[in-house]
Amino acid sequence: MLRETADGPYIPLPRSQLDYLDTQQIALDEDITPLAAWSRMTTDVSPVLRAAFALRDWVCSLAGVKSIAGFSGRTVETVSAGDHLDFFLVEYVDDRSLVLTERDRHLDVMTCISVGDRVVSVTSSVKVHNWFGRAYMLPVGIAHRRIVRSMLRRLEHARSA
């Protein structure tokens, strides 16, 4: 079940029940849809991020966790609940929010891209299920904040086509 917070982004559980929660935002000089924000942030991914995804997939393969292969760089014009954007399942989409999830036996990840008043917010939450999920989140939790910050800066500098 999705919960909309007073701030707008969706989270899957009350904050007290989450093992990880990070929200970052950036003000833009134009209005943008959540899907357009996603496309701009995931196009032309840096070689460092590509390498990080490859390392993640290699390490996780040793524990039998499926590969996610990172971001494809594809620009998507429309999306509906049930579609996939790279490794994420689209749970919900409207003109203000794009809710994406990835679930496995180790953890549940939800990312919500929200827009309003020329501000784009990225809220990511994780519920961990076991020791592997906890170990995974130690480095990923730190790296995730930096990755999102970098993607928001890319969004800020990207211009609409």
N, C-alpha and C. Protein backbone atom coordinates (compact mmCIF):
# COMPACT_ATOMS: atom_id res chain seq x y z
N MET A 1 0.83 -1.18 0.00
CA MET A 1 0.00 0.00 0.00
C MET A 1 0.87 1.24 0.00
N LEU A 2 0.54 2.22 -0.82
CA LEU A 2 1.30 3.45 -0.91
C LEU A 2 0.72 4.49 0.03
N ARG A 3 1.59 5.25 0.65
CA ARG A 3 1.16 6.32 1.54
C ARG A 3 1.71 7.63 1.01
N GLU A 4 0.84 8.60 0.79
CA GLU A 4 1.30 9.92 0.40
C GLU A 4 1.54 10.70 1.68
N THR A 5 2.73 11.27 1.79
CA THR A 5 3.05 12.05 2.97
C THR A 5 2.53 13.46 2.79
N ALA A 6 2.60 14.26 3.82
CA ALA A 6 2.17 15.66 3.74
C ALA A 6 3.00 16.41 2.71
N ASP A 7 4.24 15.98 2.47
CA ASP A 7 5.13 16.63 1.51
C ASP A 7 4.85 16.21 0.08
N GLY A 8 4.08 15.15 -0.11
CA GLY A 8 3.76 14.71 -1.46
C GLY A 8 4.32 13.38 -1.87
N PRO A 9 5.60 13.05 -1.57
CA PRO A 9 6.12 11.78 -2.08
C PRO A 9 5.46 10.58 -1.41
N TYR A 10 5.41 9.51 -2.15
CA TYR A 10 4.82 8.28 -1.64
C TYR A 10 5.90 7.45 -0.95
N ILE A 11 5.54 6.86 0.17
CA ILE A 11 6.41 5.90 0.84
C ILE A 11 5.55 4.68 1.19
N PRO A 12 6.16 3.49 1.25
CA PRO A 12 5.36 2.28 1.41
C PRO A 12 4.88 2.01 2.83
N LEU A 13 5.55 2.57 3.80
CA LEU A 13 5.26 2.30 5.22
C LEU A 13 5.43 3.59 6.00
N PRO A 14 4.94 3.62 7.23
CA PRO A 14 5.27 4.78 8.08
C PRO A 14 6.79 4.90 8.20
N ARG A 15 7.27 6.12 8.30
CA ARG A 15 8.72 6.37 8.36
C ARG A 15 9.41 5.53 9.43
N SER A 16 8.77 5.33 10.55
CA SER A 16 9.38 4.57 11.65
C SER A 16 9.61 3.10 11.29
N GLN A 17 8.95 2.60 10.27
CA GLN A 17 9.11 1.19 9.88
C GLN A 17 10.07 1.00 8.71
N LEU A 18 10.62 2.10 8.19
CA LEU A 18 11.57 2.02 7.09
C LEU A 18 12.99 1.89 7.63
N ASP A 19 13.83 1.19 6.87
CA ASP A 19 15.23 1.04 7.24
C ASP A 19 16.11 2.08 6.57
N TYR A 20 15.59 2.74 5.54
CA TYR A 20 16.34 3.77 4.82
C TYR A 20 15.32 4.73 4.23
N LEU A 21 15.60 6.01 4.35
CA LEU A 21 14.75 7.02 3.74
C LEU A 21 15.61 8.22 3.39
N ASP A 22 15.53 8.64 2.15
CA ASP A 22 16.30 9.79 1.69
C ASP A 22 15.43 10.60 0.73
N THR A 23 15.34 11.90 0.97
CA THR A 23 14.64 12.80 0.07
C THR A 23 15.58 13.93 -0.30
N GLN A 24 15.68 14.18 -1.60
CA GLN A 24 16.48 15.29 -2.10
C GLN A 24 15.66 16.01 -3.16
N GLN A 25 15.91 17.29 -3.30
CA GLN A 25 15.14 18.05 -4.28
C GLN A 25 15.98 19.13 -4.91
N ILE A 26 15.47 19.63 -6.02
CA ILE A 26 16.14 20.71 -6.73
C ILE A 26 15.08 21.58 -7.40
N ALA A 27 15.32 22.86 -7.38
CA ALA A 27 14.42 23.82 -8.05
C ALA A 27 14.90 23.99 -9.49
N LEU A 28 13.95 24.02 -10.42
CA LEU A 28 14.25 24.21 -11.83
C LEU A 28 13.66 25.53 -12.31
N ASP A 29 14.08 25.96 -13.48
CA ASP A 29 13.53 27.19 -14.05
C ASP A 29 12.39 26.90 -15.03
N GLU A 30 11.87 25.68 -14.98
CA GLU A 30 10.77 25.29 -15.85
C GLU A 30 9.94 24.22 -15.16
N ASP A 31 8.69 24.07 -15.60
CA ASP A 31 7.87 22.96 -15.15
C ASP A 31 8.30 21.71 -15.90
N ILE A 32 8.15 20.57 -15.25
CA ILE A 32 8.56 19.31 -15.85
C ILE A 32 7.67 18.21 -15.28
N THR A 33 7.45 17.17 -16.06
CA THR A 33 6.68 16.03 -15.55
C THR A 33 7.63 15.09 -14.82
N PRO A 34 7.10 14.24 -13.96
CA PRO A 34 7.97 13.27 -13.29
C PRO A 34 8.68 12.33 -14.28
N LEU A 35 7.98 11.91 -15.34
CA LEU A 35 8.59 11.03 -16.32
C LEU A 35 9.70 11.74 -17.09
N ALA A 36 9.50 13.01 -17.44
CA ALA A 36 10.55 13.77 -18.11
C ALA A 36 11.76 13.93 -17.19
N ALA A 37 11.52 14.16 -15.90
CA ALA A 37 12.62 14.26 -14.95
C ALA A 37 13.40 12.95 -14.92
N TRP A 38 12.69 11.81 -14.84
CA TRP A 38 13.33 10.50 -14.85
C TRP A 38 14.21 10.35 -16.10
N SER A 39 13.63 10.65 -17.25
CA SER A 39 14.36 10.48 -18.51
C SER A 39 15.61 11.34 -18.55
N ARG A 40 15.52 12.57 -18.13
CA ARG A 40 16.69 13.45 -18.14
C ARG A 40 17.75 12.99 -17.14
N MET A 41 17.32 12.49 -16.00
CA MET A 41 18.28 12.05 -14.99
C MET A 41 18.98 10.75 -15.36
N THR A 42 18.34 9.91 -16.16
CA THR A 42 18.90 8.59 -16.46
C THR A 42 19.47 8.49 -17.87
N THR A 43 19.49 9.59 -18.60
CA THR A 43 20.10 9.61 -19.92
C THR A 43 21.57 10.03 -19.75
N ASP A 44 22.42 9.45 -20.56
CA ASP A 44 23.86 9.76 -20.51
C ASP A 44 24.44 9.56 -19.11
N VAL A 45 24.23 8.37 -18.58
CA VAL A 45 24.74 8.03 -17.26
C VAL A 45 26.27 8.01 -17.30
N SER A 46 26.88 8.50 -16.25
CA SER A 46 28.34 8.60 -16.20
C SER A 46 28.99 7.22 -16.21
N PRO A 47 30.21 7.14 -16.73
CA PRO A 47 30.95 5.87 -16.70
C PRO A 47 31.17 5.36 -15.27
N VAL A 48 31.31 6.25 -14.33
CA VAL A 48 31.49 5.85 -12.93
C VAL A 48 30.24 5.13 -12.42
N LEU A 49 29.06 5.67 -12.74
CA LEU A 49 27.82 5.03 -12.31
C LEU A 49 27.62 3.70 -13.02
N ARG A 50 27.97 3.64 -14.30
CA ARG A 50 27.87 2.36 -15.03
C ARG A 50 28.77 1.31 -14.37
N ALA A 51 29.98 1.73 -13.99
CA ALA A 51 30.91 0.81 -13.32
C ALA A 51 30.37 0.38 -11.96
N ALA A 52 29.74 1.31 -11.25
CA ALA A 52 29.17 0.98 -9.94
C ALA A 52 28.06 -0.06 -10.08
N PHE A 53 27.21 0.09 -11.09
CA PHE A 53 26.16 -0.90 -11.32
C PHE A 53 26.76 -2.26 -11.69
N ALA A 54 27.81 -2.26 -12.51
CA ALA A 54 28.46 -3.52 -12.89
C ALA A 54 29.06 -4.19 -11.66
N LEU A 55 29.70 -3.42 -10.78
CA LEU A 55 30.26 -3.97 -9.55
C LEU A 55 29.15 -4.52 -8.67
N ARG A 56 28.07 -3.77 -8.54
CA ARG A 56 26.92 -4.22 -7.74
C ARG A 56 26.40 -5.55 -8.26
N ASP A 57 26.24 -5.64 -9.59
CA ASP A 57 25.70 -6.87 -10.17
C ASP A 57 26.65 -8.05 -9.95
N TRP A 58 27.95 -7.83 -10.06
CA TRP A 58 28.92 -8.91 -9.86
C TRP A 58 28.89 -9.40 -8.41
N VAL A 59 28.95 -8.47 -7.46
CA VAL A 59 28.94 -8.85 -6.04
C VAL A 59 27.64 -9.56 -5.69
N CYS A 60 26.53 -9.01 -6.15
CA CYS A 60 25.23 -9.60 -5.82
C CYS A 60 25.03 -10.96 -6.48
N SER A 61 25.64 -11.17 -7.64
CA SER A 61 25.51 -12.47 -8.30
C SER A 61 26.12 -13.59 -7.46
N LEU A 62 27.11 -13.26 -6.64
CA LEU A 62 27.73 -14.25 -5.76
C LEU A 62 26.75 -14.74 -4.71
N ALA A 63 25.74 -13.92 -4.41
CA ALA A 63 24.72 -14.29 -3.42
C ALA A 63 23.41 -14.70 -4.09
N GLY A 64 23.44 -14.85 -5.41
CA GLY A 64 22.24 -15.29 -6.12
C GLY A 64 21.20 -14.21 -6.33
N VAL A 65 21.60 -12.94 -6.25
CA VAL A 65 20.67 -11.83 -6.46
C VAL A 65 20.71 -11.44 -7.94
N LYS A 66 19.54 -11.20 -8.50
CA LYS A 66 19.46 -10.91 -9.93
C LYS A 66 20.16 -9.60 -10.29
N SER A 67 20.64 -9.56 -11.50
CA SER A 67 21.29 -8.38 -12.06
C SER A 67 20.25 -7.29 -12.32
N ILE A 68 20.64 -6.03 -12.12
CA ILE A 68 19.73 -4.95 -12.47
C ILE A 68 20.25 -4.15 -13.67
N ALA A 69 21.54 -4.27 -13.97
CA ALA A 69 22.16 -3.71 -15.18
C ALA A 69 22.12 -2.19 -15.28
N GLY A 70 21.64 -1.49 -14.29
CA GLY A 70 21.69 -0.03 -14.31
C GLY A 70 20.64 0.60 -15.20
N PHE A 71 20.93 1.83 -15.60
CA PHE A 71 20.01 2.61 -16.41
C PHE A 71 20.35 2.46 -17.88
N SER A 72 19.32 2.25 -18.70
CA SER A 72 19.52 2.02 -20.13
C SER A 72 19.80 3.30 -20.90
N GLY A 73 19.35 4.43 -20.37
CA GLY A 73 19.51 5.69 -21.10
C GLY A 73 18.39 5.95 -22.09
N ARG A 74 17.42 5.05 -22.14
CA ARG A 74 16.28 5.23 -23.06
C ARG A 74 15.41 6.38 -22.59
N THR A 75 14.93 7.18 -23.52
CA THR A 75 13.95 8.20 -23.21
C THR A 75 12.57 7.59 -23.46
N VAL A 76 11.72 7.70 -22.47
CA VAL A 76 10.38 7.13 -22.55
C VAL A 76 9.37 8.27 -22.57
N GLU A 77 8.43 8.22 -23.50
CA GLU A 77 7.44 9.29 -23.64
C GLU A 77 6.21 9.08 -22.76
N THR A 78 5.80 7.83 -22.60
CA THR A 78 4.63 7.52 -21.78
C THR A 78 4.91 6.26 -20.98
N VAL A 79 4.25 6.16 -19.84
CA VAL A 79 4.39 4.99 -18.99
C VAL A 79 3.10 4.83 -18.20
N SER A 80 2.79 3.58 -17.87
CA SER A 80 1.59 3.28 -17.08
C SER A 80 1.97 2.34 -15.94
N ALA A 81 1.13 2.30 -14.93
CA ALA A 81 1.34 1.35 -13.84
C ALA A 81 1.44 -0.05 -14.43
N GLY A 82 2.43 -0.81 -13.97
CA GLY A 82 2.67 -2.15 -14.48
C GLY A 82 3.80 -2.22 -15.49
N ASP A 83 4.16 -1.08 -16.09
CA ASP A 83 5.30 -1.03 -17.01
C ASP A 83 6.60 -1.06 -16.21
N HIS A 84 7.71 -1.23 -16.93
CA HIS A 84 9.02 -1.17 -16.30
C HIS A 84 9.82 -0.02 -16.88
N LEU A 85 10.53 0.66 -16.01
CA LEU A 85 11.55 1.63 -16.40
C LEU A 85 12.86 1.04 -15.90
N ASP A 86 13.64 0.51 -16.83
CA ASP A 86 14.86 -0.22 -16.50
C ASP A 86 14.51 -1.32 -15.50
N PHE A 87 15.13 -1.36 -14.34
CA PHE A 87 14.89 -2.44 -13.38
C PHE A 87 13.73 -2.16 -12.44
N PHE A 88 13.12 -1.00 -12.54
CA PHE A 88 12.01 -0.62 -11.66
C PHE A 88 10.65 -0.98 -12.27
N LEU A 89 9.72 -1.38 -11.42
CA LEU A 89 8.33 -1.54 -11.79
C LEU A 89 7.62 -0.21 -11.52
N VAL A 90 6.84 0.26 -12.48
CA VAL A 90 6.05 1.47 -12.28
C VAL A 90 4.81 1.07 -11.48
N GLU A 91 4.72 1.59 -10.26
CA GLU A 91 3.58 1.29 -9.39
C GLU A 91 2.45 2.29 -9.59
N TYR A 92 2.82 3.54 -9.85
CA TYR A 92 1.83 4.61 -9.95
C TYR A 92 2.45 5.75 -10.74
N VAL A 93 1.63 6.42 -11.53
CA VAL A 93 2.10 7.60 -12.25
C VAL A 93 0.93 8.54 -12.47
N ASP A 94 1.18 9.82 -12.26
CA ASP A 94 0.25 10.87 -12.64
C ASP A 94 1.08 12.10 -12.98
N ASP A 95 0.44 13.25 -13.12
CA ASP A 95 1.18 14.44 -13.53
C ASP A 95 2.06 15.03 -12.43
N ARG A 96 1.97 14.50 -11.20
CA ARG A 96 2.78 14.99 -10.08
C ARG A 96 3.76 13.97 -9.53
N SER A 97 3.51 12.67 -9.74
CA SER A 97 4.33 11.63 -9.11
C SER A 97 4.57 10.44 -10.03
N LEU A 98 5.76 9.89 -9.90
CA LEU A 98 6.13 8.64 -10.56
C LEU A 98 6.69 7.75 -9.46
N VAL A 99 5.99 6.65 -9.18
CA VAL A 99 6.37 5.76 -8.08
C VAL A 99 6.93 4.47 -8.69
N LEU A 100 8.17 4.16 -8.33
CA LEU A 100 8.89 3.02 -8.88
C LEU A 100 9.30 2.08 -7.75
N THR A 101 9.23 0.77 -7.99
CA THR A 101 9.64 -0.18 -6.96
C THR A 101 10.51 -1.28 -7.56
N GLU A 102 11.28 -1.88 -6.68
CA GLU A 102 12.03 -3.10 -6.98
C GLU A 102 12.03 -3.91 -5.69
N ARG A 103 11.50 -5.12 -5.79
CA ARG A 103 11.37 -5.96 -4.60
C ARG A 103 12.05 -7.31 -4.84
N ASP A 104 12.70 -7.80 -3.80
CA ASP A 104 13.20 -9.17 -3.82
C ASP A 104 13.18 -9.70 -2.39
N ARG A 105 13.75 -10.86 -2.18
CA ARG A 105 13.66 -11.47 -0.85
C ARG A 105 14.52 -10.75 0.19
N HIS A 106 15.42 -9.87 -0.26
CA HIS A 106 16.32 -9.18 0.64
C HIS A 106 15.82 -7.81 1.07
N LEU A 107 15.15 -7.12 0.15
CA LEU A 107 14.67 -5.78 0.47
C LEU A 107 13.63 -5.31 -0.53
N ASP A 108 12.86 -4.33 -0.11
CA ASP A 108 11.90 -3.64 -0.97
C ASP A 108 12.36 -2.20 -1.11
N VAL A 109 12.50 -1.76 -2.35
CA VAL A 109 12.94 -0.40 -2.65
C VAL A 109 11.80 0.34 -3.32
N MET A 110 11.56 1.57 -2.90
CA MET A 110 10.59 2.42 -3.57
C MET A 110 11.24 3.78 -3.80
N THR A 111 11.12 4.27 -5.01
CA THR A 111 11.58 5.61 -5.35
C THR A 111 10.41 6.38 -5.93
N CYS A 112 10.21 7.57 -5.41
CA CYS A 112 9.14 8.44 -5.89
C CYS A 112 9.75 9.72 -6.42
N ILE A 113 9.46 10.03 -7.67
CA ILE A 113 9.86 11.32 -8.25
C ILE A 113 8.60 12.17 -8.25
N SER A 114 8.67 13.28 -7.49
CA SER A 114 7.52 14.19 -7.35
C SER A 114 7.89 15.54 -7.93
N VAL A 115 6.90 16.20 -8.52
CA VAL A 115 7.12 17.53 -9.06
C VAL A 115 6.02 18.46 -8.57
N GLY A 116 6.37 19.72 -8.45
CA GLY A 116 5.40 20.74 -8.07
C GLY A 116 6.08 22.08 -7.89
N ASP A 117 5.50 23.13 -8.40
CA ASP A 117 6.05 24.48 -8.29
C ASP A 117 7.51 24.54 -8.73
N ARG A 118 7.81 23.86 -9.84
CA ARG A 118 9.15 23.83 -10.43
C ARG A 118 10.21 23.23 -9.52
N VAL A 119 9.79 22.39 -8.62
CA VAL A 119 10.70 21.65 -7.74
C VAL A 119 10.53 20.17 -8.03
N VAL A 120 11.66 19.48 -8.20
CA VAL A 120 11.66 18.03 -8.39
C VAL A 120 12.25 17.41 -7.14
N SER A 121 11.52 16.45 -6.56
CA SER A 121 11.98 15.72 -5.38
C SER A 121 12.14 14.26 -5.73
N VAL A 122 13.19 13.66 -5.20
CA VAL A 122 13.40 12.22 -5.33
C VAL A 122 13.43 11.66 -3.91
N THR A 123 12.47 10.80 -3.61
CA THR A 123 12.37 10.17 -2.30
C THR A 123 12.57 8.68 -2.48
N SER A 124 13.56 8.14 -1.81
CA SER A 124 13.83 6.71 -1.88
C SER A 124 13.70 6.11 -0.50
N SER A 125 13.02 4.96 -0.43
CA SER A 125 12.84 4.27 0.84
C SER A 125 13.12 2.80 0.65
N VAL A 126 13.58 2.18 1.75
CA VAL A 126 13.92 0.76 1.71
C VAL A 126 13.43 0.09 2.98
N LYS A 127 12.85 -1.07 2.80
CA LYS A 127 12.52 -1.97 3.91
C LYS A 127 13.37 -3.22 3.72
N VAL A 128 14.22 -3.49 4.69
CA VAL A 128 15.15 -4.62 4.63
C VAL A 128 14.47 -5.86 5.22
N HIS A 129 14.72 -7.03 4.61
CA HIS A 129 14.11 -8.27 5.08
C HIS A 129 15.07 -9.23 5.79
N ASN A 130 16.38 -9.10 5.55
CA ASN A 130 17.31 -10.07 6.13
C ASN A 130 18.73 -9.51 6.23
N TRP A 131 19.64 -10.33 6.69
CA TRP A 131 21.02 -9.89 6.91
C TRP A 131 21.68 -9.43 5.62
N PHE A 132 21.43 -10.12 4.49
CA PHE A 132 22.03 -9.70 3.23
C PHE A 132 21.55 -8.31 2.83
N GLY A 133 20.26 -8.05 3.02
CA GLY A 133 19.72 -6.72 2.72
C GLY A 133 20.38 -5.65 3.58
N ARG A 134 20.61 -5.96 4.86
CA ARG A 134 21.29 -5.00 5.75
C ARG A 134 22.72 -4.75 5.29
N ALA A 135 23.44 -5.83 4.97
CA ALA A 135 24.82 -5.68 4.49
C ALA A 135 24.86 -4.91 3.18
N TYR A 136 23.94 -5.19 2.29
CA TYR A 136 23.85 -4.49 1.00
C TYR A 136 23.65 -3.00 1.19
N MET A 137 22.79 -2.64 2.14
CA MET A 137 22.46 -1.23 2.34
C MET A 137 23.57 -0.42 2.99
N LEU A 138 24.55 -1.06 3.62
CA LEU A 138 25.65 -0.30 4.23
C LEU A 138 26.37 0.56 3.19
N PRO A 139 26.93 -0.01 2.12
CA PRO A 139 27.57 0.85 1.12
C PRO A 139 26.56 1.56 0.22
N VAL A 140 25.47 0.86 -0.11
CA VAL A 140 24.49 1.44 -1.04
C VAL A 140 23.82 2.67 -0.45
N GLY A 141 23.51 2.65 0.83
CA GLY A 141 22.89 3.81 1.47
C GLY A 141 23.74 5.06 1.35
N ILE A 142 25.04 4.90 1.53
CA ILE A 142 25.96 6.03 1.40
C ILE A 142 26.06 6.47 -0.06
N ALA A 143 26.27 5.52 -0.95
CA ALA A 143 26.44 5.84 -2.37
C ALA A 143 25.16 6.42 -2.97
N HIS A 144 24.01 5.92 -2.54
CA HIS A 144 22.75 6.35 -3.11
C HIS A 144 22.56 7.86 -2.99
N ARG A 145 22.84 8.41 -1.84
CA ARG A 145 22.68 9.86 -1.65
C ARG A 145 23.52 10.65 -2.65
N ARG A 146 24.74 10.21 -2.85
CA ARG A 146 25.63 10.89 -3.81
C ARG A 146 25.14 10.74 -5.24
N ILE A 147 24.67 9.54 -5.56
CA ILE A 147 24.17 9.29 -6.91
C ILE A 147 22.96 10.17 -7.20
N VAL A 148 22.01 10.22 -6.29
CA VAL A 148 20.82 11.05 -6.50
C VAL A 148 21.20 12.52 -6.61
N ARG A 149 22.09 12.97 -5.76
CA ARG A 149 22.55 14.37 -5.82
C ARG A 149 23.13 14.67 -7.20
N SER A 150 23.94 13.76 -7.72
CA SER A 150 24.54 13.93 -9.04
C SER A 150 23.47 13.92 -10.14
N MET A 151 22.50 13.04 -10.02
CA MET A 151 21.45 12.97 -11.03
C MET A 151 20.58 14.23 -11.02
N LEU A 152 20.33 14.78 -9.85
CA LEU A 152 19.57 16.03 -9.77
C LEU A 152 20.35 17.19 -10.37
N ARG A 153 21.66 17.21 -10.17
CA ARG A 153 22.47 18.26 -10.82
C ARG A 153 22.42 18.11 -12.34
N ARG A 154 22.44 16.86 -12.82
CA ARG A 154 22.33 16.62 -14.26
C ARG A 154 20.99 17.14 -14.77
N LEU A 155 19.94 16.88 -14.01
CA LEU A 155 18.61 17.37 -14.36
C LEU A 155 18.58 18.89 -14.43
N GLU A 156 19.20 19.52 -13.46
CA GLU A 156 19.24 20.98 -13.42
C GLU A 156 19.91 21.57 -14.65
N HIS A 157 20.92 20.90 -15.16
CA HIS A 157 21.67 21.42 -16.31
C HIS A 157 21.13 20.95 -17.66
N ALA A 158 20.26 19.94 -17.65
CA ALA A 158 19.68 19.44 -18.89
C ALA A 158 18.64 20.42 -19.39
N ARG A 159 18.53 20.53 -20.66
CA ARG A 159 17.53 21.41 -21.26
C ARG A 159 16.51 20.56 -21.99
N SER A 160 15.28 21.02 -21.99
CA SER A 160 14.25 20.26 -22.69
C SER A 160 14.55 20.22 -24.18
N ALA A 161 14.14 19.12 -24.78
CA ALA A 161 14.41 18.92 -26.21
C ALA A 161 13.46 19.72 -27.07
